[in-house]
Structure formats: C-alpha cells, structure tokens
Amino acid sequence: MLPGCASGGFGSAESLDNIQQQLLGDMPLPQGAKISNEQSIILGGGPQWTGRIVISTPQGPTDTFTFFRDQFPRAGWTGISSIKAKTSILVFAKGDRTVTVEINESGTFASGGSVVNLTAAPKGGTAPVNVTPGQNAPR
C-alpha cells in the first residue's frame, strides 16, 4: 500500500517526488505523472520494491515511450526489449531486477495522455534441481 496517499493519485509534484524517491528508487517518471493508488500494488520500497505502479501522464504514448526508452538507461537500467505499437512495451533490467513498462493511450488529458503500468519483479527464479520427467519439482 502507498502510505499517506489521497484517493485518486497524488495532486502535487512534491508528493510525487517524495513517493518516487522513497518507493520507486531509481525509476524516473515523466513530468506531470500521477500515480493511481487504486490500481497500484507496491511491496517493499526503494530499489527493491516489487509489484505494479499505474501512472497517468499528460504526454501522449509516443512521447511517453521516448521518455522511458531514454531515461531508464540514464538511471542505470539496461534495455532488454521494446515494442512500439498501440500498446507499447519496454523491458529493462538492473542487477537482479526487471521492470516491464506498458504504455497505452488515455483519454484523461486534453492532449490524449498515456496510462503506464510499471511492473517490477526479481529476475528469473530458481530452477528445480535433479527433476526427471514426470516428477514434481522439490518444494
């Protein structure tokens, strides 16, 4: 949960900056972005949080795609893949974490705007050891 959040997202740039610094760590967000508290799920904080952050931005999908494509590498993230389409997706990795950025058009802003889902999770997982076909993996 997002501590101290008002319903409907953050209204001031100061509160967004505070949340970004404390919870999102080194994941830059576009100027004017607002976090949707109702749709976001955050576990942990800082550079190790996992979950999903849903934000709305006043920038259209193309500008939002360009922002993430350019700014995440500047924050130390490595681009893994990207698809520019009606629903655009970028995947980044840093250390033992991955982030998927999904961008869709939004009708919320006069200029069109975007809705962005940022999903963060640890990279990979532990593969089962010594499992033969037909047997269950050890638990």
Protein backbone atom coordinates (compact mmCIF):
# COMPACT_ATOMS: atom_id res chain seq x y z
CA MET A 1 0.00 0.00 0.00
CA LEU A 2 1.06 3.59 -0.53
CA PRO A 3 1.36 5.29 2.85
CA GLY A 4 -0.38 8.63 3.26
CA CYS A 5 -1.90 8.69 -0.21
CA ALA A 6 -5.05 10.53 -1.13
CA SER A 7 -7.67 8.81 -3.22
CA GLY A 8 -7.23 9.24 -6.96
CA GLY A 9 -3.48 9.82 -7.08
CA PHE A 10 -1.04 12.44 -5.94
CA GLY A 11 -2.02 16.00 -6.60
CA SER A 12 1.26 17.81 -6.00
CA ALA A 13 4.66 17.42 -7.58
CA GLU A 14 6.21 17.40 -4.11
CA SER A 15 4.29 14.32 -3.00
CA LEU A 16 5.09 12.53 -6.28
CA ASP A 17 8.79 13.38 -5.87
CA ASN A 18 8.67 12.07 -2.30
CA ILE A 19 6.97 8.80 -3.31
CA GLN A 20 9.27 8.38 -6.30
CA GLN A 21 12.34 8.82 -4.11
CA GLN A 22 11.16 6.61 -1.26
CA LEU A 23 9.36 3.82 -3.10
CA LEU A 24 10.43 3.83 -6.71
CA GLY A 25 14.11 4.43 -6.08
CA ASP A 26 15.93 4.88 -9.37
CA MET A 27 12.96 4.65 -11.76
CA PRO A 28 12.40 8.03 -13.41
CA LEU A 29 8.82 9.11 -14.14
CA PRO A 30 7.65 11.63 -16.75
CA GLN A 31 6.90 15.19 -15.62
CA GLY A 32 3.29 15.60 -14.53
CA ALA A 33 2.81 11.87 -13.88
CA LYS A 34 0.18 10.92 -11.32
CA ILE A 35 0.11 7.58 -9.52
CA SER A 36 -3.22 5.75 -9.37
CA ASN A 37 -3.47 4.49 -5.80
CA GLU A 38 -6.44 2.24 -6.54
CA GLN A 39 -4.66 0.33 -9.31
CA SER A 40 -1.13 0.21 -7.86
CA ILE A 41 0.29 -2.55 -5.69
CA ILE A 42 3.68 -1.91 -4.07
CA LEU A 43 5.53 -4.39 -1.89
CA GLY A 44 8.66 -3.04 -0.23
CA GLY A 45 10.34 0.23 -1.16
CA GLY A 46 13.39 1.87 -2.61
CA PRO A 47 15.40 -0.05 -5.17
CA GLN A 48 13.94 -3.45 -4.18
CA TRP A 49 10.17 -2.85 -4.42
CA THR A 50 8.09 -5.30 -6.39
CA GLY A 51 4.59 -5.02 -7.74
CA ARG A 52 2.79 -2.71 -10.14
CA ILE A 53 2.58 1.08 -10.30
CA VAL A 54 -0.08 2.56 -12.57
CA ILE A 55 0.51 6.16 -13.59
CA SER A 56 -1.17 8.63 -15.92
CA THR A 57 0.88 11.16 -17.84
CA PRO A 58 -0.15 14.24 -19.82
CA GLN A 59 2.26 13.22 -22.62
CA GLY A 60 0.97 11.08 -25.48
CA PRO A 61 2.10 7.47 -25.95
CA THR A 62 4.93 8.33 -28.38
CA ASP A 63 6.48 10.93 -26.06
CA THR A 64 5.99 8.64 -23.06
CA PHE A 65 7.67 5.74 -24.89
CA THR A 66 10.59 8.02 -25.80
CA PHE A 67 10.89 9.21 -22.18
CA PHE A 68 11.21 5.68 -20.77
CA ARG A 69 13.45 4.49 -23.63
CA ASP A 70 15.86 7.38 -22.99
CA GLN A 71 15.63 7.96 -19.22
CA PHE A 72 15.77 4.44 -17.79
CA PRO A 73 19.23 3.72 -19.30
CA ARG A 74 20.44 7.05 -17.86
CA ALA A 75 19.35 5.74 -14.44
CA GLY A 76 21.42 2.58 -14.92
CA TRP A 77 18.77 0.27 -16.42
CA THR A 78 19.64 -1.89 -19.44
CA GLY A 79 17.06 -2.14 -22.20
CA ILE A 80 16.18 -5.77 -22.90
CA SER A 81 13.42 -5.38 -25.48
CA SER A 82 10.85 -2.93 -26.75
CA ILE A 83 7.77 -2.96 -28.93
CA LYS A 84 6.29 0.28 -30.24
CA ALA A 85 2.63 -0.34 -31.10
CA LYS A 86 -0.87 0.62 -29.98
CA THR A 87 0.16 -0.93 -26.65
CA SER A 88 3.91 -0.31 -26.36
CA ILE A 89 6.10 -2.41 -24.08
CA LEU A 90 9.65 -1.85 -22.87
CA VAL A 91 11.60 -4.28 -20.67
CA PHE A 92 14.59 -3.18 -18.59
CA ALA A 93 16.95 -4.97 -16.20
CA LYS A 94 19.22 -3.74 -13.44
CA GLY A 95 21.07 -6.02 -11.06
CA ASP A 96 18.72 -8.82 -10.07
CA ARG A 97 15.51 -6.99 -11.11
CA THR A 98 13.43 -6.47 -14.21
CA VAL A 99 10.85 -3.82 -14.99
CA THR A 100 8.21 -4.03 -17.69
CA VAL A 101 6.77 -0.72 -18.87
CA GLU A 102 3.42 -0.97 -20.69
CA ILE A 103 2.12 2.22 -22.32
CA ASN A 104 -1.44 2.81 -23.56
CA GLU A 105 -3.28 5.90 -24.77
CA SER A 106 -5.54 7.60 -22.24
CA GLY A 107 -8.44 9.95 -22.80
CA THR A 108 -7.89 11.58 -19.41
CA PHE A 109 -5.92 14.58 -20.67
CA ALA A 110 -6.96 17.05 -23.39
CA SER A 111 -3.80 16.17 -25.33
CA GLY A 112 -4.53 12.45 -25.14
CA GLY A 113 -2.13 11.44 -22.41
CA SER A 114 -0.98 7.96 -21.51
CA VAL A 115 -1.57 5.28 -18.92
CA VAL A 116 1.59 3.45 -17.91
CA ASN A 117 1.88 0.16 -15.98
CA LEU A 118 5.30 -0.35 -14.40
CA THR A 119 5.71 -3.92 -13.19
CA ALA A 120 8.85 -4.71 -11.18
CA ALA A 121 9.99 -8.16 -10.12
CA PRO A 122 13.14 -10.10 -9.29
CA LYS A 123 14.90 -11.59 -12.32
CA GLY A 124 14.26 -15.24 -13.12
CA GLY A 125 13.87 -17.73 -10.35
CA THR A 126 15.46 -20.86 -9.05
CA ALA A 127 15.23 -23.76 -11.47
CA PRO A 128 14.41 -27.17 -10.00
CA VAL A 129 17.42 -29.41 -9.49
CA ASN A 130 17.56 -33.14 -10.37
CA VAL A 131 13.99 -33.43 -11.59
CA THR A 132 13.25 -36.23 -14.01
CA PRO A 133 10.32 -36.08 -16.40
CA GLY A 134 7.04 -36.95 -14.72
CA GLN A 135 8.20 -35.99 -11.21
CA ASN A 136 7.25 -32.90 -9.31
CA ALA A 137 9.90 -30.35 -8.51
CA PRO A 138 11.14 -30.28 -4.89
CA ARG A 139 9.37 -27.78 -2.67
